[in-house]
Amino acid sequence: MIITWNGAGSIVLTAKPGQADVSLVTNPFETEGVWKFPKQIAASMVIRTHDGDATSNIDAVVPEHDGEKSPFVVDHAGEYEVCGMFATGISAPKKDGTPHTIYRFDVEGMHVGFLGAIDRALSTKEQEALGAVDILLVPAGGNDVLGASAAAELVTQIEPRVAIPIYINAFEGDGYAESAAFVREIGAPVETVARYKITRAALPEEDMAVVVLTRG
């Protein structure tokens, strides 16, 4: 499995559940001002946690396999499968009641939690629905999402083997904090990479690791 980051809450997760690579893209944001989304990304699934310009640039995502008319778009709770990539959406509204969905991706024997733009702690019911995850992508930049301290507390509750902060500073003036505060709060070994490649066998056995992605 390979995970890269486009900025804000947009990642590209690529895995090989069968004979071919399969990719999903989360929260493709509109290019505007300092925000620069790639002109084109190939994927089989587009995952959206909420409505708005921060997730609506679906046209930038094109089919990755011959015969696909367009990527499959997931934007609400439910269970989905595309090309062996499984996604489970769980309703988790933001604290002001705005509809919002968190996800678990199951592929290559690993469970990846994606908390999108959540701005509050998860309820017991939401956390139980998310289940045990190996890798957790958690917003940590403050502003309209969780800040470093709240993000670290949530990571401690969920206990993933790897924590990856998203919604951290990627563009000058984008309104999000740097990853440093989150890293300090977690106090775990840190790896900074542009492209995170991981297998189930290589997941940390004991101490949790923090991976900080640089924008690809």
N, C-alpha and C. Protein backbone atom coordinates (compact mmCIF):
# COMPACT_ATOMS: atom_id res chain seq x y z
N MET A 1 0.84 -1.19 0.00
CA MET A 1 0.00 0.00 0.00
C MET A 1 0.88 1.25 0.00
N ILE A 2 0.46 2.23 -0.78
CA ILE A 2 1.19 3.49 -0.85
C ILE A 2 0.21 4.63 -0.57
N ILE A 3 0.61 5.56 0.30
CA ILE A 3 -0.22 6.73 0.61
C ILE A 3 0.57 7.99 0.31
N THR A 4 -0.02 8.89 -0.46
CA THR A 4 0.55 10.20 -0.71
C THR A 4 -0.50 11.25 -0.35
N TRP A 5 -0.06 12.51 -0.27
CA TRP A 5 -0.93 13.59 0.22
C TRP A 5 -0.91 14.76 -0.74
N ASN A 6 -2.10 15.25 -1.07
CA ASN A 6 -2.24 16.40 -1.98
C ASN A 6 -2.38 17.72 -1.25
N GLY A 7 -2.50 17.66 0.08
CA GLY A 7 -2.80 18.84 0.87
C GLY A 7 -4.19 18.72 1.45
N ALA A 8 -4.47 19.53 2.52
CA ALA A 8 -5.78 19.51 3.20
C ALA A 8 -6.15 18.07 3.57
N GLY A 9 -7.35 17.63 3.16
CA GLY A 9 -7.78 16.27 3.50
C GLY A 9 -7.74 15.33 2.32
N SER A 10 -6.92 15.64 1.34
CA SER A 10 -6.86 14.81 0.13
C SER A 10 -5.62 13.93 0.11
N ILE A 11 -5.86 12.62 0.17
CA ILE A 11 -4.79 11.65 0.02
C ILE A 11 -5.07 10.79 -1.20
N VAL A 12 -4.04 10.12 -1.66
CA VAL A 12 -4.19 9.06 -2.67
C VAL A 12 -3.69 7.78 -2.02
N LEU A 13 -4.55 6.79 -1.95
CA LEU A 13 -4.18 5.49 -1.40
C LEU A 13 -4.20 4.49 -2.54
N THR A 14 -3.06 3.85 -2.78
CA THR A 14 -2.94 2.88 -3.86
C THR A 14 -2.54 1.53 -3.27
N ALA A 15 -3.27 0.50 -3.65
CA ALA A 15 -3.00 -0.84 -3.16
C ALA A 15 -3.17 -1.83 -4.30
N LYS A 16 -2.84 -3.07 -4.03
CA LYS A 16 -2.96 -4.12 -5.04
C LYS A 16 -3.77 -5.28 -4.47
N PRO A 17 -5.10 -5.10 -4.42
CA PRO A 17 -5.94 -6.15 -3.86
C PRO A 17 -6.08 -7.38 -4.76
N GLY A 18 -5.73 -7.21 -6.03
CA GLY A 18 -5.80 -8.31 -6.99
C GLY A 18 -4.58 -8.27 -7.89
N GLN A 19 -4.80 -8.39 -9.18
CA GLN A 19 -3.69 -8.40 -10.13
C GLN A 19 -3.24 -7.00 -10.53
N ALA A 20 -4.11 -6.00 -10.32
CA ALA A 20 -3.79 -4.64 -10.74
C ALA A 20 -3.84 -3.68 -9.56
N ASP A 21 -3.08 -2.59 -9.67
CA ASP A 21 -3.14 -1.55 -8.66
C ASP A 21 -4.50 -0.86 -8.71
N VAL A 22 -5.00 -0.49 -7.54
CA VAL A 22 -6.27 0.24 -7.43
C VAL A 22 -6.04 1.43 -6.51
N SER A 23 -6.54 2.59 -6.93
CA SER A 23 -6.34 3.81 -6.14
C SER A 23 -7.66 4.43 -5.74
N LEU A 24 -7.65 5.09 -4.60
CA LEU A 24 -8.76 5.95 -4.22
C LEU A 24 -8.20 7.32 -3.85
N VAL A 25 -9.01 8.34 -4.07
CA VAL A 25 -8.65 9.73 -3.74
C VAL A 25 -9.69 10.26 -2.78
N THR A 26 -9.23 10.92 -1.72
CA THR A 26 -10.17 11.52 -0.77
C THR A 26 -10.22 13.03 -0.96
N ASN A 27 -11.39 13.58 -0.72
CA ASN A 27 -11.62 15.02 -0.65
C ASN A 27 -10.82 15.85 -1.66
N PRO A 28 -11.07 15.66 -2.95
CA PRO A 28 -10.38 16.49 -3.95
C PRO A 28 -10.88 17.93 -3.90
N PHE A 29 -10.00 18.86 -3.57
CA PHE A 29 -10.43 20.24 -3.35
C PHE A 29 -10.26 21.09 -4.61
N GLU A 30 -11.04 22.15 -4.68
CA GLU A 30 -10.95 23.06 -5.82
C GLU A 30 -9.68 23.90 -5.73
N THR A 31 -9.04 24.10 -6.86
CA THR A 31 -7.88 24.98 -6.93
C THR A 31 -8.35 26.43 -6.88
N GLU A 32 -7.91 27.15 -5.86
CA GLU A 32 -8.32 28.54 -5.70
C GLU A 32 -7.34 29.24 -4.77
N GLY A 33 -6.84 30.40 -5.18
CA GLY A 33 -5.89 31.13 -4.36
C GLY A 33 -4.63 30.31 -4.11
N VAL A 34 -4.28 30.12 -2.82
CA VAL A 34 -3.06 29.37 -2.50
C VAL A 34 -3.27 27.86 -2.67
N TRP A 35 -4.51 27.44 -2.76
CA TRP A 35 -4.82 26.01 -2.84
C TRP A 35 -4.59 25.50 -4.26
N LYS A 36 -3.72 24.52 -4.42
CA LYS A 36 -3.38 23.99 -5.74
C LYS A 36 -3.57 22.48 -5.76
N PHE A 37 -4.62 22.02 -6.41
CA PHE A 37 -4.86 20.58 -6.53
C PHE A 37 -4.26 20.09 -7.85
N PRO A 38 -3.71 18.87 -7.89
CA PRO A 38 -3.16 18.35 -9.15
C PRO A 38 -4.19 18.44 -10.28
N LYS A 39 -3.70 18.71 -11.48
CA LYS A 39 -4.62 18.87 -12.61
C LYS A 39 -5.35 17.58 -12.93
N GLN A 40 -4.71 16.45 -12.67
CA GLN A 40 -5.35 15.18 -12.99
C GLN A 40 -4.76 14.06 -12.13
N ILE A 41 -5.64 13.25 -11.56
CA ILE A 41 -5.25 12.08 -10.78
C ILE A 41 -6.07 10.90 -11.28
N ALA A 42 -5.44 9.76 -11.47
CA ALA A 42 -6.14 8.55 -11.90
C ALA A 42 -6.51 7.71 -10.68
N ALA A 43 -7.77 7.31 -10.59
CA ALA A 43 -8.23 6.50 -9.47
C ALA A 43 -9.52 5.78 -9.84
N SER A 44 -9.87 4.79 -9.03
CA SER A 44 -11.12 4.06 -9.25
C SER A 44 -12.23 4.50 -8.30
N MET A 45 -11.84 5.16 -7.19
CA MET A 45 -12.82 5.64 -6.22
C MET A 45 -12.49 7.07 -5.80
N VAL A 46 -13.52 7.85 -5.57
CA VAL A 46 -13.39 9.17 -4.97
C VAL A 46 -14.20 9.14 -3.67
N ILE A 47 -13.55 9.48 -2.57
CA ILE A 47 -14.18 9.47 -1.26
C ILE A 47 -14.37 10.91 -0.78
N ARG A 48 -15.60 11.27 -0.45
CA ARG A 48 -15.88 12.62 0.05
C ARG A 48 -16.47 12.54 1.45
N THR A 49 -15.96 13.35 2.37
CA THR A 49 -16.47 13.32 3.74
C THR A 49 -17.60 14.33 3.95
N HIS A 50 -17.66 15.37 3.11
CA HIS A 50 -18.67 16.40 3.28
C HIS A 50 -18.77 17.21 1.99
N ASP A 51 -19.79 18.04 1.90
CA ASP A 51 -19.99 18.87 0.72
C ASP A 51 -19.19 20.17 0.84
N GLY A 52 -18.91 20.77 -0.32
CA GLY A 52 -18.23 22.06 -0.34
C GLY A 52 -17.04 22.06 -1.28
N ASP A 53 -16.44 23.26 -1.46
CA ASP A 53 -15.30 23.39 -2.37
C ASP A 53 -14.11 22.54 -1.94
N ALA A 54 -14.04 22.20 -0.66
CA ALA A 54 -12.90 21.43 -0.16
C ALA A 54 -12.96 19.95 -0.57
N THR A 55 -14.07 19.57 -1.23
CA THR A 55 -14.22 18.15 -1.61
C THR A 55 -14.82 17.97 -3.01
N SER A 56 -15.06 19.05 -3.73
CA SER A 56 -15.92 18.97 -4.92
C SER A 56 -15.19 18.86 -6.26
N ASN A 57 -13.85 18.79 -6.25
CA ASN A 57 -13.11 18.79 -7.53
C ASN A 57 -13.03 17.37 -8.12
N ILE A 58 -14.19 16.78 -8.30
CA ILE A 58 -14.27 15.39 -8.78
C ILE A 58 -13.77 15.27 -10.22
N ASP A 59 -13.95 16.32 -11.01
CA ASP A 59 -13.55 16.26 -12.42
C ASP A 59 -12.05 16.10 -12.60
N ALA A 60 -11.27 16.41 -11.55
CA ALA A 60 -9.81 16.25 -11.65
C ALA A 60 -9.38 14.79 -11.51
N VAL A 61 -10.32 13.92 -11.13
CA VAL A 61 -10.01 12.50 -10.94
C VAL A 61 -10.55 11.72 -12.13
N VAL A 62 -9.66 11.03 -12.83
CA VAL A 62 -10.04 10.31 -14.05
C VAL A 62 -9.89 8.80 -13.82
N PRO A 63 -10.58 7.99 -14.62
CA PRO A 63 -10.50 6.53 -14.45
C PRO A 63 -9.07 6.03 -14.63
N GLU A 64 -8.68 5.05 -13.83
CA GLU A 64 -7.32 4.52 -13.92
C GLU A 64 -7.23 3.23 -14.75
N HIS A 65 -8.37 2.61 -15.04
CA HIS A 65 -8.36 1.35 -15.79
C HIS A 65 -9.19 1.46 -17.06
N ASP A 66 -8.78 0.78 -18.09
CA ASP A 66 -9.55 0.73 -19.34
C ASP A 66 -10.94 0.17 -19.06
N GLY A 67 -11.94 0.79 -19.65
CA GLY A 67 -13.31 0.31 -19.48
C GLY A 67 -14.08 1.04 -18.39
N GLU A 68 -13.38 1.75 -17.52
CA GLU A 68 -14.07 2.51 -16.49
C GLU A 68 -14.55 3.84 -17.08
N LYS A 69 -15.83 4.14 -16.95
CA LYS A 69 -16.35 5.38 -17.48
C LYS A 69 -15.96 6.57 -16.60
N SER A 70 -15.97 6.35 -15.29
CA SER A 70 -15.59 7.40 -14.35
C SER A 70 -15.32 6.74 -13.01
N PRO A 71 -14.57 7.39 -12.14
CA PRO A 71 -14.36 6.82 -10.81
C PRO A 71 -15.68 6.73 -10.04
N PHE A 72 -15.77 5.74 -9.17
CA PHE A 72 -16.95 5.56 -8.33
C PHE A 72 -16.87 6.55 -7.17
N VAL A 73 -17.92 7.35 -6.99
CA VAL A 73 -17.91 8.40 -5.97
C VAL A 73 -18.69 7.93 -4.74
N VAL A 74 -18.06 8.02 -3.58
CA VAL A 74 -18.68 7.67 -2.31
C VAL A 74 -18.75 8.94 -1.46
N ASP A 75 -19.95 9.31 -1.02
CA ASP A 75 -20.07 10.54 -0.25
C ASP A 75 -21.04 10.42 0.93
N HIS A 76 -21.35 9.20 1.34
CA HIS A 76 -22.21 9.05 2.52
C HIS A 76 -22.00 7.66 3.13
N ALA A 77 -22.61 7.44 4.27
CA ALA A 77 -22.41 6.20 5.01
C ALA A 77 -22.88 4.98 4.21
N GLY A 78 -22.22 3.86 4.45
CA GLY A 78 -22.56 2.62 3.78
C GLY A 78 -21.32 1.78 3.54
N GLU A 79 -21.50 0.64 2.90
CA GLU A 79 -20.40 -0.26 2.59
C GLU A 79 -20.24 -0.34 1.08
N TYR A 80 -19.00 -0.20 0.60
CA TYR A 80 -18.73 -0.12 -0.82
C TYR A 80 -17.51 -0.97 -1.17
N GLU A 81 -17.50 -1.46 -2.41
CA GLU A 81 -16.35 -2.23 -2.89
C GLU A 81 -16.14 -1.93 -4.36
N VAL A 82 -14.93 -1.57 -4.71
CA VAL A 82 -14.56 -1.33 -6.10
C VAL A 82 -13.21 -1.99 -6.35
N CYS A 83 -13.18 -2.92 -7.28
CA CYS A 83 -11.93 -3.58 -7.68
C CYS A 83 -11.17 -4.18 -6.49
N GLY A 84 -11.89 -4.69 -5.51
CA GLY A 84 -11.25 -5.29 -4.36
C GLY A 84 -10.87 -4.32 -3.26
N MET A 85 -11.16 -3.04 -3.46
CA MET A 85 -10.92 -2.01 -2.43
C MET A 85 -12.23 -1.80 -1.68
N PHE A 86 -12.23 -2.01 -0.36
CA PHE A 86 -13.44 -1.89 0.44
C PHE A 86 -13.43 -0.60 1.25
N ALA A 87 -14.56 0.09 1.25
CA ALA A 87 -14.72 1.33 2.02
C ALA A 87 -16.01 1.25 2.82
N THR A 88 -15.91 1.59 4.09
CA THR A 88 -17.08 1.65 4.96
C THR A 88 -17.23 3.07 5.47
N GLY A 89 -18.35 3.70 5.14
CA GLY A 89 -18.62 5.06 5.58
C GLY A 89 -19.48 5.08 6.83
N ILE A 90 -19.13 5.94 7.78
CA ILE A 90 -19.84 6.04 9.05
C ILE A 90 -20.24 7.49 9.26
N SER A 91 -21.51 7.75 9.46
CA SER A 91 -21.97 9.12 9.66
C SER A 91 -21.39 9.68 10.96
N ALA A 92 -20.73 10.84 10.84
CA ALA A 92 -20.13 11.51 12.01
C ALA A 92 -20.22 13.01 11.76
N PRO A 93 -21.40 13.61 12.00
CA PRO A 93 -21.57 15.05 11.73
C PRO A 93 -20.57 15.90 12.49
N LYS A 94 -20.24 17.06 11.92
CA LYS A 94 -19.38 18.00 12.63
C LYS A 94 -20.16 18.57 13.82
N LYS A 95 -19.45 19.25 14.70
CA LYS A 95 -20.09 19.67 15.95
C LYS A 95 -21.23 20.67 15.76
N ASP A 96 -21.27 21.35 14.61
CA ASP A 96 -22.39 22.25 14.35
C ASP A 96 -23.54 21.55 13.63
N GLY A 97 -23.42 20.24 13.45
CA GLY A 97 -24.48 19.47 12.81
C GLY A 97 -24.30 19.27 11.32
N THR A 98 -23.27 19.89 10.71
CA THR A 98 -23.02 19.72 9.28
C THR A 98 -22.78 18.24 8.97
N PRO A 99 -23.48 17.69 7.96
CA PRO A 99 -23.26 16.29 7.61
C PRO A 99 -21.79 16.01 7.28
N HIS A 100 -21.28 14.92 7.79
CA HIS A 100 -19.88 14.56 7.61
C HIS A 100 -19.77 13.06 7.81
N THR A 101 -18.89 12.42 7.02
CA THR A 101 -18.73 10.97 7.07
C THR A 101 -17.26 10.62 7.29
N ILE A 102 -17.00 9.70 8.20
CA ILE A 102 -15.66 9.15 8.35
C ILE A 102 -15.63 7.77 7.71
N TYR A 103 -14.43 7.25 7.42
CA TYR A 103 -14.34 6.00 6.66
C TYR A 103 -13.29 5.05 7.22
N ARG A 104 -13.51 3.77 6.92
CA ARG A 104 -12.48 2.75 7.10
C ARG A 104 -12.27 2.08 5.75
N PHE A 105 -11.02 1.99 5.33
CA PHE A 105 -10.66 1.30 4.09
C PHE A 105 -9.99 -0.02 4.45
N ASP A 106 -10.42 -1.11 3.83
CA ASP A 106 -9.86 -2.43 4.10
C ASP A 106 -9.24 -2.98 2.82
N VAL A 107 -7.93 -3.19 2.87
CA VAL A 107 -7.22 -3.66 1.69
C VAL A 107 -5.87 -4.22 2.10
N GLU A 108 -5.43 -5.23 1.40
CA GLU A 108 -4.13 -5.87 1.65
C GLU A 108 -3.98 -6.29 3.12
N GLY A 109 -5.09 -6.69 3.72
CA GLY A 109 -5.04 -7.15 5.10
C GLY A 109 -4.86 -6.06 6.12
N MET A 110 -4.96 -4.80 5.70
CA MET A 110 -4.81 -3.67 6.61
C MET A 110 -6.09 -2.86 6.68
N HIS A 111 -6.29 -2.20 7.83
CA HIS A 111 -7.47 -1.36 8.06
C HIS A 111 -7.00 0.07 8.24
N VAL A 112 -7.49 0.95 7.37
CA VAL A 112 -7.08 2.36 7.37
C VAL A 112 -8.27 3.22 7.77
N GLY A 113 -8.12 3.99 8.84
CA GLY A 113 -9.16 4.90 9.25
C GLY A 113 -8.90 6.29 8.68
N PHE A 114 -9.94 6.89 8.13
CA PHE A 114 -9.83 8.23 7.54
C PHE A 114 -10.89 9.12 8.20
N LEU A 115 -10.45 10.08 9.00
CA LEU A 115 -11.38 10.89 9.78
C LEU A 115 -11.76 12.20 9.10
N GLY A 116 -11.28 12.42 7.89
CA GLY A 116 -11.70 13.58 7.12
C GLY A 116 -11.47 14.88 7.84
N ALA A 117 -12.51 15.72 7.88
CA ALA A 117 -12.41 17.07 8.46
C ALA A 117 -13.12 17.14 9.80
N ILE A 118 -13.11 16.05 10.56
CA ILE A 118 -13.82 16.03 11.84
C ILE A 118 -13.24 17.11 12.76
N ASP A 119 -14.12 17.72 13.55
CA ASP A 119 -13.70 18.82 14.43
C ASP A 119 -14.10 18.56 15.88
N ARG A 120 -14.33 17.30 16.22
CA ARG A 120 -14.73 16.94 17.58
C ARG A 120 -14.29 15.51 17.87
N ALA A 121 -14.39 15.13 19.14
CA ALA A 121 -14.10 13.75 19.50
C ALA A 121 -15.18 12.83 18.93
N LEU A 122 -14.83 11.58 18.68
CA LEU A 122 -15.81 10.61 18.21
C LEU A 122 -16.64 10.09 19.38
N SER A 123 -17.90 9.81 19.12
CA SER A 123 -18.73 9.18 20.14
C SER A 123 -18.32 7.71 20.26
N THR A 124 -18.74 7.09 21.34
CA THR A 124 -18.45 5.66 21.53
C THR A 124 -19.02 4.84 20.38
N LYS A 125 -20.22 5.18 19.93
CA LYS A 125 -20.86 4.45 18.83
C LYS A 125 -20.06 4.61 17.54
N GLU A 126 -19.60 5.83 17.26
CA GLU A 126 -18.81 6.07 16.04
C GLU A 126 -17.48 5.33 16.10
N GLN A 127 -16.86 5.35 17.25
CA GLN A 127 -15.57 4.67 17.37
C GLN A 127 -15.73 3.16 17.24
N GLU A 128 -16.79 2.63 17.79
CA GLU A 128 -17.05 1.19 17.66
C GLU A 128 -17.32 0.82 16.20
N ALA A 129 -18.03 1.69 15.48
CA ALA A 129 -18.31 1.43 14.07
C ALA A 129 -17.03 1.48 13.24
N LEU A 130 -16.11 2.38 13.61
CA LEU A 130 -14.84 2.47 12.90
C LEU A 130 -14.01 1.22 13.14
N GLY A 131 -14.07 0.70 14.35
CA GLY A 131 -13.36 -0.53 14.67
C GLY A 131 -11.86 -0.31 14.84
N ALA A 132 -11.15 -1.41 14.99
CA ALA A 132 -9.69 -1.34 15.12
C ALA A 132 -9.08 -0.97 13.78
N VAL A 133 -8.16 -0.01 13.79
CA VAL A 133 -7.48 0.39 12.56
C VAL A 133 -5.97 0.29 12.74
N ASP A 134 -5.29 -0.05 11.66
CA ASP A 134 -3.83 -0.12 11.68
C ASP A 134 -3.21 1.25 11.42
N ILE A 135 -3.80 1.98 10.49
CA ILE A 135 -3.29 3.30 10.09
C ILE A 135 -4.43 4.30 10.23
N LEU A 136 -4.18 5.41 10.91
CA LEU A 136 -5.22 6.41 11.13
C LEU A 136 -4.78 7.74 10.55
N LEU A 137 -5.60 8.27 9.63
CA LEU A 137 -5.39 9.60 9.08
C LEU A 137 -6.30 10.55 9.83
N VAL A 138 -5.69 11.49 10.57
CA VAL A 138 -6.45 12.32 11.49
C VAL A 138 -6.16 13.80 11.25
N PRO A 139 -7.19 14.64 11.15
CA PRO A 139 -6.95 16.08 10.98
C PRO A 139 -6.34 16.65 12.24
N ALA A 140 -5.33 17.52 12.09
CA ALA A 140 -4.59 17.99 13.27
C ALA A 140 -4.15 19.45 13.17
N GLY A 141 -4.64 20.19 12.17
CA GLY A 141 -4.13 21.54 11.93
C GLY A 141 -4.92 22.67 12.52
N GLY A 142 -6.00 22.35 13.29
CA GLY A 142 -6.80 23.42 13.87
C GLY A 142 -7.67 24.12 12.84
N ASN A 143 -8.04 25.35 13.11
CA ASN A 143 -8.93 26.12 12.25
C ASN A 143 -10.32 25.46 12.25
N ASP A 144 -10.74 24.84 11.14
CA ASP A 144 -12.06 24.22 11.06
C ASP A 144 -12.04 22.71 11.31
N VAL A 145 -10.90 22.18 11.77
CA VAL A 145 -10.78 20.75 12.09
C VAL A 145 -10.13 20.61 13.48
N LEU A 146 -9.89 19.39 13.91
CA LEU A 146 -9.25 19.18 15.19
C LEU A 146 -7.88 19.86 15.25
N GLY A 147 -7.54 20.39 16.42
CA GLY A 147 -6.20 20.89 16.65
C GLY A 147 -5.30 19.78 17.14
N ALA A 148 -4.04 20.12 17.37
CA ALA A 148 -3.04 19.11 17.71
C ALA A 148 -3.39 18.32 18.96
N SER A 149 -3.79 19.01 20.02
CA SER A 149 -4.06 18.34 21.28
C SER A 149 -5.26 17.39 21.18
N ALA A 150 -6.35 17.87 20.58
CA ALA A 150 -7.54 17.05 20.44
C ALA A 150 -7.28 15.88 19.49
N ALA A 151 -6.50 16.11 18.45
CA ALA A 151 -6.16 15.04 17.51
C ALA A 151 -5.34 13.96 18.21
N ALA A 152 -4.37 14.40 19.02
CA ALA A 152 -3.53 13.44 19.75
C ALA A 152 -4.35 12.62 20.73
N GLU A 153 -5.31 13.27 21.38
CA GLU A 153 -6.17 12.55 22.33
C GLU A 153 -6.99 11.49 21.61
N LEU A 154 -7.50 11.83 20.43
CA LEU A 154 -8.29 10.88 19.65
C LEU A 154 -7.43 9.71 19.19
N VAL A 155 -6.20 9.99 18.78
CA VAL A 155 -5.28 8.92 18.38
C VAL A 155 -5.03 7.98 19.56
N THR A 156 -4.86 8.54 20.74
CA THR A 156 -4.64 7.72 21.94
C THR A 156 -5.82 6.80 22.22
N GLN A 157 -7.03 7.30 21.97
CA GLN A 157 -8.23 6.49 22.19
C GLN A 157 -8.35 5.36 21.18
N ILE A 158 -8.04 5.65 19.92
CA ILE A 158 -8.20 4.66 18.86
C ILE A 158 -7.05 3.66 18.82
N GLU A 159 -5.86 4.10 19.20
CA GLU A 159 -4.68 3.24 19.28
C GLU A 159 -4.31 2.57 17.94
N PRO A 160 -4.10 3.36 16.88
CA PRO A 160 -3.62 2.76 15.62
C PRO A 160 -2.15 2.39 15.77
N ARG A 161 -1.64 1.67 14.81
CA ARG A 161 -0.22 1.35 14.81
C ARG A 161 0.58 2.45 14.13
N VAL A 162 -0.09 3.19 13.25
CA VAL A 162 0.54 4.34 12.57
C VAL A 162 -0.47 5.49 12.55
N ALA A 163 -0.03 6.68 12.91
CA ALA A 163 -0.88 7.88 12.85
C ALA A 163 -0.31 8.84 11.82
N ILE A 164 -1.17 9.35 10.94
CA ILE A 164 -0.75 10.28 9.90
C ILE A 164 -1.60 11.54 10.02
N PRO A 165 -1.01 12.71 10.34
CA PRO A 165 -1.80 13.94 10.40
C PRO A 165 -2.13 14.48 9.01
N ILE A 166 -3.36 14.93 8.84
CA ILE A 166 -3.78 15.63 7.62
C ILE A 166 -4.36 16.98 8.04
N TYR A 167 -4.78 17.77 7.07
CA TYR A 167 -5.22 19.14 7.35
C TYR A 167 -4.16 19.85 8.19
N ILE A 168 -2.92 19.72 7.78
CA ILE A 168 -1.82 20.49 8.34
C ILE A 168 -1.31 21.42 7.24
N ASN A 169 -0.42 22.34 7.59
CA ASN A 169 0.00 23.36 6.63
C ASN A 169 0.65 22.76 5.39
N ALA A 170 0.09 23.09 4.23
CA ALA A 170 0.65 22.63 2.96
C ALA A 170 0.90 23.78 2.01
N PHE A 171 0.13 24.85 2.17
CA PHE A 171 0.25 26.03 1.32
C PHE A 171 0.40 27.25 2.21
N GLU A 172 1.29 28.15 1.86
CA GLU A 172 1.49 29.34 2.68
C GLU A 172 0.18 30.12 2.82
N GLY A 173 -0.26 30.28 4.05
CA GLY A 173 -1.49 31.03 4.28
C GLY A 173 -2.76 30.20 4.17
N ASP A 174 -2.64 28.86 4.23
CA ASP A 174 -3.85 28.05 4.08
C ASP A 174 -4.66 27.93 5.37
N GLY A 175 -4.15 28.47 6.46
CA GLY A 175 -4.93 28.50 7.70
C GLY A 175 -4.70 27.35 8.64
N TYR A 176 -3.90 26.36 8.24
CA TYR A 176 -3.66 25.20 9.11
C TYR A 176 -2.28 25.26 9.74
N ALA A 177 -2.16 24.68 10.93
CA ALA A 177 -0.89 24.68 11.66
C ALA A 177 0.07 23.65 11.09
N GLU A 178 1.34 23.81 11.40
CA GLU A 178 2.34 22.82 11.03
C GLU A 178 2.13 21.54 11.83
N SER A 179 2.76 20.46 11.41
CA SER A 179 2.61 19.16 12.07
C SER A 179 3.36 19.08 13.39
N ALA A 180 4.27 20.02 13.65
CA ALA A 180 5.16 19.93 14.81
C ALA A 180 4.41 19.80 16.13
N ALA A 181 3.33 20.56 16.29
CA ALA A 181 2.58 20.51 17.54
C ALA A 181 1.97 19.13 17.76
N PHE A 182 1.43 18.55 16.72
CA PHE A 182 0.85 17.21 16.81
C PHE A 182 1.92 16.19 17.16
N VAL A 183 3.07 16.30 16.53
CA VAL A 183 4.18 15.38 16.79
C VAL A 183 4.60 15.47 18.26
N ARG A 184 4.68 16.68 18.79
CA ARG A 184 5.05 16.85 20.19
C ARG A 184 4.01 16.22 21.12
N GLU A 185 2.75 16.39 20.79
CA GLU A 185 1.68 15.85 21.62
C GLU A 185 1.72 14.31 21.65
N ILE A 186 2.01 13.71 20.51
CA ILE A 186 2.02 12.24 20.42
C ILE A 186 3.26 11.67 21.10
N GLY A 187 4.42 12.28 20.85
CA GLY A 187 5.65 11.81 21.47
C GLY A 187 6.08 10.43 21.01
N ALA A 188 5.82 10.10 19.75
CA ALA A 188 6.19 8.80 19.19
C ALA A 188 7.24 8.99 18.10
N PRO A 189 7.93 7.92 17.69
CA PRO A 189 8.89 8.03 16.59
C PRO A 189 8.23 8.60 15.34
N VAL A 190 8.95 9.48 14.65
CA VAL A 190 8.38 10.19 13.49
C VAL A 190 9.20 9.89 12.23
N GLU A 191 8.48 9.67 11.14
CA GLU A 191 9.09 9.51 9.83
C GLU A 191 8.45 10.53 8.89
N THR A 192 9.26 11.31 8.20
CA THR A 192 8.74 12.30 7.25
C THR A 192 9.07 11.85 5.84
N VAL A 193 8.04 11.64 5.04
CA VAL A 193 8.22 11.11 3.69
C VAL A 193 7.21 11.76 2.74
N ALA A 194 7.50 11.73 1.46
CA ALA A 194 6.55 12.19 0.45
C ALA A 194 5.63 11.06 0.00
N ARG A 195 6.11 9.83 0.21
CA ARG A 195 5.39 8.65 -0.28
C ARG A 195 5.54 7.55 0.76
N TYR A 196 4.45 7.22 1.43
CA TYR A 196 4.52 6.23 2.50
C TYR A 196 4.12 4.87 1.95
N LYS A 197 5.08 3.96 1.93
CA LYS A 197 4.83 2.61 1.43
C LYS A 197 4.88 1.65 2.61
N ILE A 198 3.84 0.83 2.77
CA ILE A 198 3.74 -0.03 3.94
C ILE A 198 3.06 -1.35 3.57
N THR A 199 3.47 -2.42 4.23
CA THR A 199 2.81 -3.71 4.13
C THR A 199 2.35 -4.11 5.52
N ARG A 200 1.46 -5.07 5.60
CA ARG A 200 0.99 -5.51 6.90
C ARG A 200 2.15 -6.03 7.75
N ALA A 201 3.06 -6.77 7.12
CA ALA A 201 4.18 -7.34 7.87
C ALA A 201 5.10 -6.26 8.43
N ALA A 202 5.11 -5.09 7.80
CA ALA A 202 6.03 -4.02 8.22
C ALA A 202 5.41 -3.05 9.22
N LEU A 203 4.15 -3.24 9.57
CA LEU A 203 3.52 -2.36 10.56
C LEU A 203 4.24 -2.48 11.90
N PRO A 204 4.34 -1.38 12.66
CA PRO A 204 5.00 -1.45 13.97
C PRO A 204 4.34 -2.50 14.86
N GLU A 205 5.15 -3.28 15.54
CA GLU A 205 4.64 -4.34 16.40
C GLU A 205 4.25 -3.82 17.78
N GLU A 206 5.02 -2.86 18.31
CA GLU A 206 4.80 -2.40 19.67
C GLU A 206 4.48 -0.91 19.71
N ASP A 207 5.49 -0.06 19.64
CA ASP A 207 5.26 1.38 19.73
C ASP A 207 4.60 1.91 18.47
N MET A 208 3.63 2.82 18.67
CA MET A 208 2.99 3.48 17.53
C MET A 208 3.98 4.41 16.85
N ALA A 209 3.86 4.54 15.54
CA ALA A 209 4.70 5.44 14.76
C ALA A 209 3.85 6.59 14.22
N VAL A 210 4.48 7.73 14.01
CA VAL A 210 3.84 8.87 13.36
C VAL A 210 4.52 9.09 12.02
N VAL A 211 3.72 9.20 10.97
CA VAL A 211 4.24 9.49 9.63
C VAL A 211 3.72 10.84 9.19
N VAL A 212 4.62 11.76 8.90
CA VAL A 212 4.25 13.07 8.39
C VAL A 212 4.51 13.07 6.89
N LEU A 213 3.47 13.27 6.11
CA LEU A 213 3.59 13.28 4.65
C LEU A 213 3.87 14.70 4.17
N THR A 214 4.84 14.83 3.29
CA THR A 214 5.05 16.10 2.61
C THR A 214 4.21 16.08 1.35
N ARG A 215 3.75 17.24 0.95
CA ARG A 215 2.85 17.29 -0.21
C ARG A 215 3.58 16.83 -1.47
N GLY A 216 2.93 15.90 -2.20
CA GLY A 216 3.52 15.32 -3.39
C GLY A 216 3.52 16.27 -4.56
